[in-house]
Protein backbone atom coordinates (compact mmCIF):
# COMPACT_ATOMS: atom_id res chain seq x y z
CA ARG A 1 14.85 -15.72 -8.08
CA PHE A 2 17.32 -13.04 -6.91
CA ARG A 3 14.53 -11.15 -5.16
CA ARG A 4 13.20 -14.27 -3.48
CA GLU A 5 16.51 -15.75 -2.38
CA TYR A 6 18.69 -12.68 -1.80
CA ASP A 7 16.24 -9.75 -1.61
CA VAL A 8 17.86 -7.92 -4.54
CA SER A 9 16.65 -7.16 -8.05
CA ILE A 10 18.66 -8.10 -11.13
CA GLY A 11 19.78 -4.47 -11.52
CA GLU A 12 20.85 -4.33 -7.88
CA TRP A 13 22.76 -7.57 -8.23
CA ARG A 14 24.56 -6.28 -11.33
CA ALA A 15 25.58 -3.13 -9.48
CA ILE A 16 26.79 -5.08 -6.44
CA ALA A 17 28.77 -7.52 -8.57
CA LEU A 18 30.39 -4.78 -10.66
CA LEU A 19 31.30 -2.77 -7.57
CA LYS A 20 32.82 -5.87 -5.99
CA ILE A 21 35.02 -6.36 -9.05
CA ASP A 22 36.02 -2.79 -9.87
CA ALA A 23 35.20 -0.23 -7.16
CA PRO A 24 35.17 2.66 -6.87
CA LEU A 25 33.10 3.45 -9.95
CA SER A 26 31.21 6.50 -11.11
CA LEU A 27 27.52 6.21 -11.87
CA ASN A 28 28.24 6.64 -15.59
CA LYS A 29 30.84 3.86 -15.68
CA LEU A 30 28.63 1.57 -13.63
CA ALA A 31 25.65 2.19 -15.92
CA ARG A 32 27.71 1.51 -19.06
CA ALA A 33 29.22 -1.67 -17.61
CA SER A 34 25.82 -3.00 -16.54
CA GLY A 35 23.96 -2.19 -19.75
CA LEU A 36 21.47 0.06 -17.95
CA ASP A 37 20.90 3.72 -18.74
CA LYS A 38 22.05 6.32 -16.25
CA ALA A 39 18.55 7.04 -14.91
CA GLN A 40 17.86 3.36 -14.24
CA MET A 41 21.21 2.91 -12.53
CA SER A 42 20.62 6.02 -10.45
CA ARG A 43 17.41 4.49 -9.08
CA VAL A 44 19.20 1.18 -8.41
CA ILE A 45 22.02 2.94 -6.55
CA SER A 46 19.58 5.06 -4.54
CA ALA A 47 17.86 1.88 -3.36
CA LEU A 48 21.19 0.28 -2.46
CA VAL A 49 22.30 3.41 -0.57
CA ARG A 50 19.03 3.43 1.41
CA ARG A 51 19.66 -0.22 2.33
CA ARG A 52 23.26 0.68 3.30
CA LEU A 53 24.80 -1.72 0.78
CA VAL A 54 26.51 1.05 -1.23
CA VAL A 55 28.07 4.34 -0.19
CA ARG A 56 28.43 7.48 -2.31
CA GLU A 57 31.64 9.42 -1.76
CA THR A 58 32.59 12.73 -3.30
CA GLY A 59 36.14 13.78 -3.79
CA GLY A 60 38.97 14.38 -6.18
CA ALA A 61 39.73 17.41 -8.26
CA GLN A 62 36.49 17.22 -10.22
CA ARG A 63 34.35 16.38 -7.17
CA ALA A 64 33.21 13.21 -8.86
CA VAL A 65 30.92 10.82 -7.02
CA ARG A 66 32.48 7.43 -6.40
CA LEU A 67 30.43 4.38 -5.52
CA THR A 68 31.71 1.56 -3.34
CA LEU A 69 30.24 -1.34 -1.41
CA THR A 70 29.84 -1.09 2.34
CA ARG A 71 30.64 -3.99 4.64
CA GLN A 72 27.00 -4.98 4.39
CA GLY A 73 27.25 -4.80 0.61
CA MET A 74 30.32 -7.05 0.66
CA ALA A 75 28.43 -9.50 2.88
CA ALA A 76 25.46 -9.44 0.49
CA TYR A 77 27.80 -10.25 -2.39
């Protein structure tokens, strides 16, 4: 249903919803919160980045990658 009506998979929807609630998140935190393993979430995020719904940002002392929704991602939500 999500794919048909909104053009997102269940995993993509989980990621979008979690990022809407609690961004920025690391890939590890997002994977744990969604119940997916890190590899699965990495593939989900890569697809969302390609579609310009999510942006990866690096920064901070540990150069951690932070994930946030783009304007398009917010609109998709």
